[in-house]
Amino acid sequence: MALAACGTSENGSNAASSSSMAPMSSSMSAPMSSSASNGVTTNADVFGPACGQLPQGSAPGSLDSMGPEPVASAASTNPLLTKLVAAVKATNLVDTLNSQQAITVFAPADSAFAALGDAKFNQLAANPSQLAPILQYHVLPQRFDAKGLEAAGSVMTLNTDGGPIKIAGSGDNMTVNGAKVLCGNIPTKNATVFVIDKVLTPGTNK
């Protein structure tokens, strides 16, 4: 999730002005998960059919380049997440995400947003108050790896009104509210990221 590419996002001049950030910021005070070494992963833990689409070596968007960066900055270079980057930019949530200590991010791939259609995506991007709760439903205030999510089975997101997210399966067969994990356990400085094939809808599991 990321907008490091956006010049103003790094210094917080835009992020601080967004009222939609308040629920996300206040919700992120929950403690880290105690499961699986607090959900911290390494490149060796990454799995999923889309992981091979990431750049290799130390190129921007590669695992090596994303690992030391906070999650928003890391995702800004990930070629699978350009639509998500635009969505985070629209809601001015870059600095909020980058500043958290331990979170889990379910990141819809570009194909997931494409399924919504350009008209719907543009409508949401133009209405941050509608888009922010959807993005919050993709972030957990605890850091989990895949094994931790499997053990939990059901997890609450920053959008507490949206109801729990249900985890099923494991490895390449893991699903998040029915969305398939395309590339999971991606390590960043402050988050573990799971790229998924659908945009999650708050309230579907309430």
C-alpha atoms as a PDB file:
ATOM      1  CA  MET A   1       0.000   0.000   0.000  1.00  0.00           C
ATOM      2  CA  ALA A   2       2.018   2.831  -0.867  1.00  0.00           C
ATOM      3  CA  LEU A   3       2.641   6.168  -2.120  1.00  0.00           C
ATOM      4  CA  ALA A   4       6.251   6.853  -1.586  1.00  0.00           C
ATOM      5  CA  ALA A   5       6.306   7.853  -5.202  1.00  0.00           C
ATOM      6  CA  CYS A   6       4.101  10.755  -4.269  1.00  0.00           C
ATOM      7  CA  GLY A   7       6.293  13.628  -3.205  1.00  0.00           C
ATOM      8  CA  THR A   8       4.114  15.013  -0.449  1.00  0.00           C
ATOM      9  CA  SER A   9       3.343  11.660   1.103  1.00  0.00           C
ATOM     10  CA  GLU A  10       6.743  11.194   2.682  1.00  0.00           C
ATOM     11  CA  ASN A  11       6.632  14.325   4.814  1.00  0.00           C
ATOM     12  CA  GLY A  12       3.016  13.926   5.861  1.00  0.00           C
ATOM     13  CA  SER A  13       1.836  17.313   4.563  1.00  0.00           C
ATOM     14  CA  ASN A  14      -1.128  15.754   2.819  1.00  0.00           C
ATOM     15  CA  ALA A  15      -1.736  12.836   5.136  1.00  0.00           C
ATOM     16  CA  ALA A  16      -2.211  14.974   8.207  1.00  0.00           C
ATOM     17  CA  SER A  17      -5.021  16.879   6.539  1.00  0.00           C
ATOM     18  CA  SER A  18      -7.221  13.900   5.782  1.00  0.00           C
ATOM     19  CA  SER A  19     -10.081  13.314   8.197  1.00  0.00           C
ATOM     20  CA  SER A  20     -10.435   9.780   6.835  1.00  0.00           C
ATOM     21  CA  MET A  21      -7.158   8.878   8.488  1.00  0.00           C
ATOM     22  CA  ALA A  22      -8.462   9.209  12.023  1.00  0.00           C
ATOM     23  CA  PRO A  23     -10.184   5.820  12.299  1.00  0.00           C
ATOM     24  CA  MET A  24      -7.152   4.063  10.870  1.00  0.00           C
ATOM     25  CA  SER A  25      -4.700   5.845  13.124  1.00  0.00           C
ATOM     26  CA  SER A  26      -6.651   5.267  16.315  1.00  0.00           C
ATOM     27  CA  SER A  27      -7.249   1.606  15.539  1.00  0.00           C
ATOM     28  CA  MET A  28      -3.599   0.842  15.031  1.00  0.00           C
ATOM     29  CA  SER A  29      -2.728   0.892  18.692  1.00  0.00           C
ATOM     30  CA  ALA A  30      -3.540  -2.797  19.173  1.00  0.00           C
ATOM     31  CA  PRO A  31      -0.697  -5.071  20.289  1.00  0.00           C
ATOM     32  CA  MET A  32       1.282  -7.187  17.880  1.00  0.00           C
ATOM     33  CA  SER A  33       0.323 -10.789  17.322  1.00  0.00           C
ATOM     34  CA  SER A  34       2.254 -13.248  19.407  1.00  0.00           C
ATOM     35  CA  SER A  35       1.967 -15.896  16.718  1.00  0.00           C
ATOM     36  CA  ALA A  36       4.892 -17.017  14.575  1.00  0.00           C
ATOM     37  CA  SER A  37       7.526 -14.624  15.898  1.00  0.00           C
ATOM     38  CA  ASN A  38       5.108 -11.717  15.714  1.00  0.00           C
ATOM     39  CA  GLY A  39       4.392 -12.365  12.057  1.00  0.00           C
ATOM     40  CA  VAL A  40       7.796 -11.216  10.822  1.00  0.00           C
ATOM     41  CA  THR A  41       8.797 -13.072   7.656  1.00  0.00           C
ATOM     42  CA  THR A  42      11.804 -13.359   5.366  1.00  0.00           C
ATOM     43  CA  ASN A  43      12.126 -13.733   1.610  1.00  0.00           C
ATOM     44  CA  ALA A  44      12.329 -17.499   2.084  1.00  0.00           C
ATOM     45  CA  ASP A  45       8.782 -17.519   3.505  1.00  0.00           C
ATOM     46  CA  VAL A  46       7.169 -15.918   0.444  1.00  0.00           C
ATOM     47  CA  PHE A  47       4.740 -18.138  -1.481  1.00  0.00           C
ATOM     48  CA  GLY A  48       2.122 -17.955  -4.214  1.00  0.00           C
ATOM     49  CA  PRO A  49       1.755 -18.156  -7.987  1.00  0.00           C
ATOM     50  CA  ALA A  50       2.235 -14.426  -8.604  1.00  0.00           C
ATOM     51  CA  CYS A  51       5.484 -14.063  -6.656  1.00  0.00           C
ATOM     52  CA  GLY A  52       7.423 -14.859  -9.813  1.00  0.00           C
ATOM     53  CA  GLN A  53       6.070 -11.659 -11.372  1.00  0.00           C
ATOM     54  CA  LEU A  54       8.047  -9.519  -8.943  1.00  0.00           C
ATOM     55  CA  PRO A  55      11.326  -8.011 -10.159  1.00  0.00           C
ATOM     56  CA  GLN A  56      14.396  -9.981  -9.195  1.00  0.00           C
ATOM     57  CA  GLY A  57      17.576  -9.083  -7.327  1.00  0.00           C
ATOM     58  CA  SER A  58      17.696  -5.574  -5.935  1.00  0.00           C
ATOM     59  CA  ALA A  59      15.521  -3.966  -8.630  1.00  0.00           C
ATOM     60  CA  PRO A  60      12.689  -1.700  -7.452  1.00  0.00           C
ATOM     61  CA  GLY A  61       9.722  -3.844  -6.450  1.00  0.00           C
ATOM     62  CA  SER A  62      11.839  -6.881  -5.691  1.00  0.00           C
ATOM     63  CA  LEU A  63      11.713  -8.625  -2.328  1.00  0.00           C
ATOM     64  CA  ASP A  64      15.200  -7.372  -1.498  1.00  0.00           C
ATOM     65  CA  SER A  65      14.262  -3.767  -2.204  1.00  0.00           C
ATOM     66  CA  MET A  66      10.892  -3.853  -0.419  1.00  0.00           C
ATOM     67  CA  GLY A  67      12.069  -5.579   2.749  1.00  0.00           C
ATOM     68  CA  PRO A  68      13.848  -2.620   4.404  1.00  0.00           C
ATOM     69  CA  GLU A  69      11.081  -0.144   3.470  1.00  0.00           C
ATOM     70  CA  PRO A  70       7.882   0.618   5.417  1.00  0.00           C
ATOM     71  CA  VAL A  71       4.854  -0.916   3.773  1.00  0.00           C
ATOM     72  CA  ALA A  72       3.536   2.084   1.853  1.00  0.00           C
ATOM     73  CA  SER A  73       6.937   2.921   0.422  1.00  0.00           C
ATOM     74  CA  ALA A  74       7.542  -0.734  -0.421  1.00  0.00           C
ATOM     75  CA  ALA A  75       4.247  -1.170  -2.237  1.00  0.00           C
ATOM     76  CA  SER A  76       4.775   1.937  -4.328  1.00  0.00           C
ATOM     77  CA  THR A  77       7.371  -0.021  -6.314  1.00  0.00           C
ATOM     78  CA  ASN A  78       5.464  -3.325  -6.504  1.00  0.00           C
ATOM     79  CA  PRO A  79       4.251  -3.874 -10.098  1.00  0.00           C
ATOM     80  CA  LEU A  80       1.263  -5.893  -8.861  1.00  0.00           C
ATOM     81  CA  LEU A  81      -0.156  -3.030  -6.792  1.00  0.00           C
ATOM     82  CA  THR A  82      -0.343   0.110  -8.930  1.00  0.00           C
ATOM     83  CA  LYS A  83      -4.127   0.495  -8.479  1.00  0.00           C
ATOM     84  CA  LEU A  84      -3.844   0.047  -4.724  1.00  0.00           C
ATOM     85  CA  VAL A  85      -1.152   2.704  -4.677  1.00  0.00           C
ATOM     86  CA  ALA A  86      -3.542   5.077  -6.430  1.00  0.00           C
ATOM     87  CA  ALA A  87      -6.281   4.264  -3.918  1.00  0.00           C
ATOM     88  CA  VAL A  88      -4.013   4.916  -0.939  1.00  0.00           C
ATOM     89  CA  LYS A  89      -2.907   8.166  -2.521  1.00  0.00           C
ATOM     90  CA  ALA A  90      -6.534   9.235  -2.957  1.00  0.00           C
ATOM     91  CA  THR A  91      -7.171   8.801   0.766  1.00  0.00           C
ATOM     92  CA  ASN A  92      -3.851  10.311   1.916  1.00  0.00           C
ATOM     93  CA  LEU A  93      -3.040   7.261   4.045  1.00  0.00           C
ATOM     94  CA  VAL A  94       0.589   6.797   3.062  1.00  0.00           C
ATOM     95  CA  ASP A  95       2.237   8.230   6.155  1.00  0.00           C
ATOM     96  CA  THR A  96      -0.321   6.549   8.414  1.00  0.00           C
ATOM     97  CA  LEU A  97       0.617   3.137   7.037  1.00  0.00           C
ATOM     98  CA  ASN A  98       4.341   3.850   6.974  1.00  0.00           C
ATOM     99  CA  SER A  99       4.358   4.967  10.601  1.00  0.00           C
ATOM    100  CA  GLN A 100       2.801   1.830  12.098  1.00  0.00           C
ATOM    101  CA  GLN A 101       4.981  -0.678  13.934  1.00  0.00           C
ATOM    102  CA  ALA A 102       3.370  -4.037  13.162  1.00  0.00           C
ATOM    103  CA  ILE A 103       0.463  -4.568  10.763  1.00  0.00           C
ATOM    104  CA  THR A 104      -0.786  -7.051   8.191  1.00  0.00           C
ATOM    105  CA  VAL A 105      -1.927  -5.822   4.784  1.00  0.00           C
ATOM    106  CA  PHE A 106      -4.189  -7.699   2.375  1.00  0.00           C
ATOM    107  CA  ALA A 107      -3.284  -5.963  -0.866  1.00  0.00           C
ATOM    108  CA  PRO A 108      -5.631  -6.385  -3.851  1.00  0.00           C
ATOM    109  CA  ALA A 109      -3.694  -6.890  -7.062  1.00  0.00           C
ATOM    110  CA  ASP A 110      -4.365  -4.681 -10.067  1.00  0.00           C
ATOM    111  CA  SER A 111      -6.550  -7.444 -11.530  1.00  0.00           C
ATOM    112  CA  ALA A 112      -8.781  -7.237  -8.446  1.00  0.00           C
ATOM    113  CA  PHE A 113      -9.441  -3.549  -9.002  1.00  0.00           C
ATOM    114  CA  ALA A 114      -9.899  -4.155 -12.729  1.00  0.00           C
ATOM    115  CA  ALA A 115     -12.808  -6.446 -11.855  1.00  0.00           C
ATOM    116  CA  LEU A 116     -14.554  -3.455 -10.273  1.00  0.00           C
ATOM    117  CA  GLY A 117     -14.354  -1.554 -13.544  1.00  0.00           C
ATOM    118  CA  ASP A 118     -12.770   1.816 -14.199  1.00  0.00           C
ATOM    119  CA  ALA A 119     -15.970   3.736 -13.518  1.00  0.00           C
ATOM    120  CA  LYS A 120     -16.406   2.264 -10.039  1.00  0.00           C
ATOM    121  CA  PHE A 121     -12.729   2.690  -9.200  1.00  0.00           C
ATOM    122  CA  ASN A 122     -12.737   6.325 -10.309  1.00  0.00           C
ATOM    123  CA  GLN A 123     -15.916   6.953  -8.318  1.00  0.00           C
ATOM    124  CA  LEU A 124     -14.315   5.591  -5.147  1.00  0.00           C
ATOM    125  CA  ALA A 125     -11.066   7.453  -5.756  1.00  0.00           C
ATOM    126  CA  ALA A 126     -13.047  10.685  -6.010  1.00  0.00           C
ATOM    127  CA  ASN A 127     -14.808   9.967  -2.685  1.00  0.00           C
ATOM    128  CA  PRO A 128     -12.189   9.295   0.017  1.00  0.00           C
ATOM    129  CA  SER A 129     -14.864   8.984   2.703  1.00  0.00           C
ATOM    130  CA  GLN A 130     -16.242   5.933   0.868  1.00  0.00           C
ATOM    131  CA  LEU A 131     -12.867   4.519  -0.115  1.00  0.00           C
ATOM    132  CA  ALA A 132     -11.128   4.792   3.279  1.00  0.00           C
ATOM    133  CA  PRO A 133     -13.364   2.238   5.091  1.00  0.00           C
ATOM    134  CA  ILE A 134     -12.762  -0.238   2.268  1.00  0.00           C
ATOM    135  CA  LEU A 135      -9.000   0.197   2.550  1.00  0.00           C
ATOM    136  CA  GLN A 136      -9.195  -0.123   6.344  1.00  0.00           C
ATOM    137  CA  TYR A 137     -10.926  -3.473   5.848  1.00  0.00           C
ATOM    138  CA  HIS A 138      -7.706  -4.702   4.215  1.00  0.00           C
ATOM    139  CA  VAL A 139      -5.433  -3.893   7.179  1.00  0.00           C
ATOM    140  CA  LEU A 140      -5.016  -5.750  10.475  1.00  0.00           C
ATOM    141  CA  PRO A 141      -3.647  -3.921  13.547  1.00  0.00           C
ATOM    142  CA  GLN A 142      -1.492  -6.974  14.290  1.00  0.00           C
ATOM    143  CA  ARG A 143       1.324  -8.548  12.315  1.00  0.00           C
ATOM    144  CA  PHE A 144       0.622 -12.091  11.141  1.00  0.00           C
ATOM    145  CA  ASP A 145       2.425 -14.475   8.850  1.00  0.00           C
ATOM    146  CA  ALA A 146       0.514 -17.170   6.951  1.00  0.00           C
ATOM    147  CA  LYS A 147       0.777 -19.703   9.783  1.00  0.00           C
ATOM    148  CA  GLY A 148      -0.492 -17.144  12.270  1.00  0.00           C
ATOM    149  CA  LEU A 149      -3.480 -16.348  10.059  1.00  0.00           C
ATOM    150  CA  GLU A 150      -4.255 -20.040   9.631  1.00  0.00           C
ATOM    151  CA  ALA A 151      -4.176 -20.531  13.395  1.00  0.00           C
ATOM    152  CA  ALA A 152      -6.404 -17.513  13.990  1.00  0.00           C
ATOM    153  CA  GLY A 153      -8.988 -18.547  11.412  1.00  0.00           C
ATOM    154  CA  SER A 154     -10.868 -15.281  11.808  1.00  0.00           C
ATOM    155  CA  VAL A 155      -9.375 -11.812  12.278  1.00  0.00           C
ATOM    156  CA  MET A 156     -10.690  -8.302  12.833  1.00  0.00           C
ATOM    157  CA  THR A 157      -9.517  -5.439  10.674  1.00  0.00           C
ATOM    158  CA  LEU A 158      -9.156  -1.722  11.297  1.00  0.00           C
ATOM    159  CA  ASN A 159     -12.711  -1.385   9.982  1.00  0.00           C
ATOM    160  CA  THR A 160     -14.335  -2.925  13.037  1.00  0.00           C
ATOM    161  CA  ASP A 161     -17.807  -2.231  11.626  1.00  0.00           C
ATOM    162  CA  GLY A 162     -17.013  -4.451   8.656  1.00  0.00           C
ATOM    163  CA  GLY A 163     -16.999  -7.662  10.640  1.00  0.00           C
ATOM    164  CA  PRO A 164     -14.313 -10.364  10.752  1.00  0.00           C
ATOM    165  CA  ILE A 165     -12.232 -11.659   7.887  1.00  0.00           C
ATOM    166  CA  LYS A 166     -12.160 -15.444   7.556  1.00  0.00           C
ATOM    167  CA  ILE A 167      -8.999 -17.318   6.632  1.00  0.00           C
ATOM    168  CA  ALA A 168      -9.247 -20.737   4.980  1.00  0.00           C
ATOM    169  CA  GLY A 169      -6.792 -23.164   3.437  1.00  0.00           C
ATOM    170  CA  SER A 170      -3.026 -22.927   3.540  1.00  0.00           C
ATOM    171  CA  GLY A 171      -0.071 -22.233   1.284  1.00  0.00           C
ATOM    172  CA  ASP A 172      -1.006 -21.742  -2.362  1.00  0.00           C
ATOM    173  CA  ASN A 173      -4.602 -22.635  -1.429  1.00  0.00           C
ATOM    174  CA  MET A 174      -5.015 -19.959   1.238  1.00  0.00           C
ATOM    175  CA  THR A 175      -8.028 -17.675   0.885  1.00  0.00           C
ATOM    176  CA  VAL A 176      -8.977 -14.438   2.651  1.00  0.00           C
ATOM    177  CA  ASN A 177     -12.765 -13.998   2.692  1.00  0.00           C
ATOM    178  CA  GLY A 178     -12.723 -16.181  -0.414  1.00  0.00           C
ATOM    179  CA  ALA A 179     -10.023 -14.158  -2.167  1.00  0.00           C
ATOM    180  CA  LYS A 180      -7.031 -16.226  -3.249  1.00  0.00           C
ATOM    181  CA  VAL A 181      -3.581 -15.292  -2.000  1.00  0.00           C
ATOM    182  CA  LEU A 182      -1.496 -14.582  -5.095  1.00  0.00           C
ATOM    183  CA  CYS A 183       1.725 -13.820  -3.231  1.00  0.00           C
ATOM    184  CA  GLY A 184       1.865 -14.058   0.542  1.00  0.00           C
ATOM    185  CA  ASN A 185       4.223 -13.507   3.454  1.00  0.00           C
ATOM    186  CA  ILE A 186       5.933 -10.559   1.701  1.00  0.00           C
ATOM    187  CA  PRO A 187       8.160  -8.898   4.309  1.00  0.00           C
ATOM    188  CA  THR A 188       8.435  -5.133   4.718  1.00  0.00           C
ATOM    189  CA  LYS A 189       9.900  -3.097   7.552  1.00  0.00           C
ATOM    190  CA  ASN A 190       6.632  -2.756   9.462  1.00  0.00           C
ATOM    191  CA  ALA A 191       4.183  -5.142   7.812  1.00  0.00           C
ATOM    192  CA  THR A 192       3.627  -8.549   6.312  1.00  0.00           C
ATOM    193  CA  VAL A 193       1.803  -8.290   2.984  1.00  0.00           C
ATOM    194  CA  PHE A 194      -0.522 -10.716   1.235  1.00  0.00           C
ATOM    195  CA  VAL A 195      -1.397  -9.867  -2.369  1.00  0.00           C
ATOM    196  CA  ILE A 196      -4.940 -11.114  -3.082  1.00  0.00           C
ATOM    197  CA  ASP A 197      -7.108 -11.467  -6.189  1.00  0.00           C
ATOM    198  CA  LYS A 198     -10.228  -9.624  -4.991  1.00  0.00           C
ATOM    199  CA  VAL A 199     -11.174  -6.368  -3.301  1.00  0.00           C
ATOM    200  CA  LEU A 200     -12.660  -7.331   0.058  1.00  0.00           C
ATOM    201  CA  THR A 201     -16.132  -6.014   0.874  1.00  0.00           C
ATOM    202  CA  PRO A 202     -16.821  -4.913   4.473  1.00  0.00           C
ATOM    203  CA  GLY A 203     -19.749  -6.654   6.100  1.00  0.00           C
ATOM    204  CA  THR A 204     -19.767  -9.812   3.999  1.00  0.00           C
ATOM    205  CA  ASN A 205     -18.965 -12.027   6.999  1.00  0.00           C
ATOM    206  CA  LYS A 206     -20.903 -10.196   9.709  1.00  0.00           C
END
